[in-house]
Amino acid sequence: MFLIMGVLFYFAIIRPQRLRTKELEDRVKGLKPGDKILTTGGILGTIVSIKEKSLSIRSEDTKLEVMKTAVSEVTERKGEPVEAKS
């Protein structure tokens, strides 16, 4: 009984979290200046420069520095639109 509960717990909680973490790491590694992004705070901007743990983005007339982990979505990769996930 405990084995079945352990397996269910793994597939319900642990595995999805690992997949989200891997997806976030891949997203952060693929960032380049010129990419258009959406942050977790809802800010749309274009990446100007990238540092070790943060990146500078320009949104309208404002330049912001945000953590790389705050990127929730890449909306356009340097001139090419990114296909939306379904």
C-alpha atoms as a PDB file:
ATOM      1  CA  MET A   1       0.000   0.000   0.000  1.00  0.00           C
ATOM      2  CA  PHE A   2       2.785   2.420   0.921  1.00  0.00           C
ATOM      3  CA  LEU A   3       4.620   1.568  -2.275  1.00  0.00           C
ATOM      4  CA  ILE A   4       1.586   2.509  -4.379  1.00  0.00           C
ATOM      5  CA  MET A   5       1.189   5.777  -2.473  1.00  0.00           C
ATOM      6  CA  GLY A   6       4.898   6.510  -2.942  1.00  0.00           C
ATOM      7  CA  VAL A   7       4.658   5.959  -6.701  1.00  0.00           C
ATOM      8  CA  LEU A   8       1.555   8.154  -6.946  1.00  0.00           C
ATOM      9  CA  PHE A   9       3.269  10.864  -4.881  1.00  0.00           C
ATOM     10  CA  TYR A  10       6.296  10.741  -7.202  1.00  0.00           C
ATOM     11  CA  PHE A  11       4.235  11.107 -10.393  1.00  0.00           C
ATOM     12  CA  ALA A  12       1.875  13.699  -8.912  1.00  0.00           C
ATOM     13  CA  ILE A  13       4.374  16.035  -7.220  1.00  0.00           C
ATOM     14  CA  ILE A  14       8.083  15.286  -7.631  1.00  0.00           C
ATOM     15  CA  ARG A  15       8.288  14.523 -11.355  1.00  0.00           C
ATOM     16  CA  PRO A  16       6.335  17.597 -12.558  1.00  0.00           C
ATOM     17  CA  GLN A  17       8.525  19.839 -10.387  1.00  0.00           C
ATOM     18  CA  ARG A  18      11.683  18.345 -11.897  1.00  0.00           C
ATOM     19  CA  LEU A  19      10.308  18.909 -15.394  1.00  0.00           C
ATOM     20  CA  ARG A  20       9.513  22.567 -14.578  1.00  0.00           C
ATOM     21  CA  THR A  21      13.022  23.064 -13.159  1.00  0.00           C
ATOM     22  CA  LYS A  22      14.650  21.566 -16.257  1.00  0.00           C
ATOM     23  CA  GLU A  23      12.463  23.695 -18.531  1.00  0.00           C
ATOM     24  CA  LEU A  24      13.456  26.848 -16.618  1.00  0.00           C
ATOM     25  CA  GLU A  25      17.165  25.972 -16.866  1.00  0.00           C
ATOM     26  CA  ASP A  26      16.869  25.406 -20.626  1.00  0.00           C
ATOM     27  CA  ARG A  27      14.994  28.680 -21.061  1.00  0.00           C
ATOM     28  CA  VAL A  28      17.630  30.644 -19.124  1.00  0.00           C
ATOM     29  CA  LYS A  29      20.548  29.049 -21.013  1.00  0.00           C
ATOM     30  CA  GLY A  30      19.018  29.969 -24.369  1.00  0.00           C
ATOM     31  CA  LEU A  31      18.596  33.698 -23.696  1.00  0.00           C
ATOM     32  CA  LYS A  32      20.439  36.125 -25.980  1.00  0.00           C
ATOM     33  CA  PRO A  33      20.497  39.916 -26.363  1.00  0.00           C
ATOM     34  CA  GLY A  34      17.687  40.920 -28.701  1.00  0.00           C
ATOM     35  CA  ASP A  35      15.235  38.258 -27.480  1.00  0.00           C
ATOM     36  CA  LYS A  36      11.834  39.570 -26.408  1.00  0.00           C
ATOM     37  CA  ILE A  37      10.664  38.192 -23.066  1.00  0.00           C
ATOM     38  CA  LEU A  38       7.823  38.249 -20.566  1.00  0.00           C
ATOM     39  CA  THR A  39       8.780  38.283 -16.876  1.00  0.00           C
ATOM     40  CA  THR A  40       6.860  36.654 -14.050  1.00  0.00           C
ATOM     41  CA  GLY A  41       5.818  40.164 -12.993  1.00  0.00           C
ATOM     42  CA  GLY A  42       4.145  40.765 -16.367  1.00  0.00           C
ATOM     43  CA  ILE A  43       6.800  43.057 -17.872  1.00  0.00           C
ATOM     44  CA  LEU A  44       7.398  42.736 -21.609  1.00  0.00           C
ATOM     45  CA  GLY A  45      10.852  43.756 -22.753  1.00  0.00           C
ATOM     46  CA  THR A  46      13.845  43.155 -24.999  1.00  0.00           C
ATOM     47  CA  ILE A  47      17.084  41.796 -23.555  1.00  0.00           C
ATOM     48  CA  VAL A  48      19.902  44.346 -23.782  1.00  0.00           C
ATOM     49  CA  SER A  49      22.671  42.530 -21.909  1.00  0.00           C
ATOM     50  CA  ILE A  50      23.177  39.366 -19.886  1.00  0.00           C
ATOM     51  CA  LYS A  51      25.180  38.951 -16.682  1.00  0.00           C
ATOM     52  CA  GLU A  52      25.859  35.845 -14.599  1.00  0.00           C
ATOM     53  CA  LYS A  53      22.604  35.871 -12.593  1.00  0.00           C
ATOM     54  CA  SER A  54      20.672  38.784 -14.061  1.00  0.00           C
ATOM     55  CA  LEU A  55      19.851  40.444 -17.344  1.00  0.00           C
ATOM     56  CA  SER A  56      19.069  43.967 -18.434  1.00  0.00           C
ATOM     57  CA  ILE A  57      15.908  44.532 -20.422  1.00  0.00           C
ATOM     58  CA  ARG A  58      14.458  47.551 -22.158  1.00  0.00           C
ATOM     59  CA  SER A  59      10.727  48.107 -21.988  1.00  0.00           C
ATOM     60  CA  GLU A  60       9.534  51.212 -23.799  1.00  0.00           C
ATOM     61  CA  ASP A  61      11.769  54.004 -22.374  1.00  0.00           C
ATOM     62  CA  THR A  62      12.773  52.123 -19.222  1.00  0.00           C
ATOM     63  CA  LYS A  63      15.826  49.936 -18.665  1.00  0.00           C
ATOM     64  CA  LEU A  64      15.398  47.292 -15.958  1.00  0.00           C
ATOM     65  CA  GLU A  65      17.653  44.658 -14.435  1.00  0.00           C
ATOM     66  CA  VAL A  66      15.884  41.415 -13.520  1.00  0.00           C
ATOM     67  CA  MET A  67      16.965  37.991 -12.333  1.00  0.00           C
ATOM     68  CA  LYS A  68      17.220  35.349 -15.042  1.00  0.00           C
ATOM     69  CA  THR A  69      14.800  33.169 -13.120  1.00  0.00           C
ATOM     70  CA  ALA A  70      12.129  35.889 -13.473  1.00  0.00           C
ATOM     71  CA  VAL A  71      11.771  35.113 -17.190  1.00  0.00           C
ATOM     72  CA  SER A  72       8.510  33.256 -17.638  1.00  0.00           C
ATOM     73  CA  GLU A  73       8.352  33.166 -21.436  1.00  0.00           C
ATOM     74  CA  VAL A  74      10.406  34.056 -24.507  1.00  0.00           C
ATOM     75  CA  THR A  75       7.951  35.681 -26.903  1.00  0.00           C
ATOM     76  CA  GLU A  76      10.359  36.236 -29.800  1.00  0.00           C
ATOM     77  CA  ARG A  77      13.901  35.044 -30.447  1.00  0.00           C
ATOM     78  CA  LYS A  78      15.953  37.747 -32.153  1.00  0.00           C
ATOM     79  CA  GLY A  79      13.582  38.375 -35.029  1.00  0.00           C
ATOM     80  CA  GLU A  80      11.827  34.980 -35.130  1.00  0.00           C
ATOM     81  CA  PRO A  81       8.513  34.475 -33.337  1.00  0.00           C
ATOM     82  CA  VAL A  82       8.438  31.589 -30.866  1.00  0.00           C
ATOM     83  CA  GLU A  83       5.630  29.104 -31.354  1.00  0.00           C
ATOM     84  CA  ALA A  84       3.114  29.145 -28.513  1.00  0.00           C
ATOM     85  CA  LYS A  85       2.713  26.051 -26.361  1.00  0.00           C
ATOM     86  CA  SER A  86      -0.692  24.398 -26.400  1.00  0.00           C
END
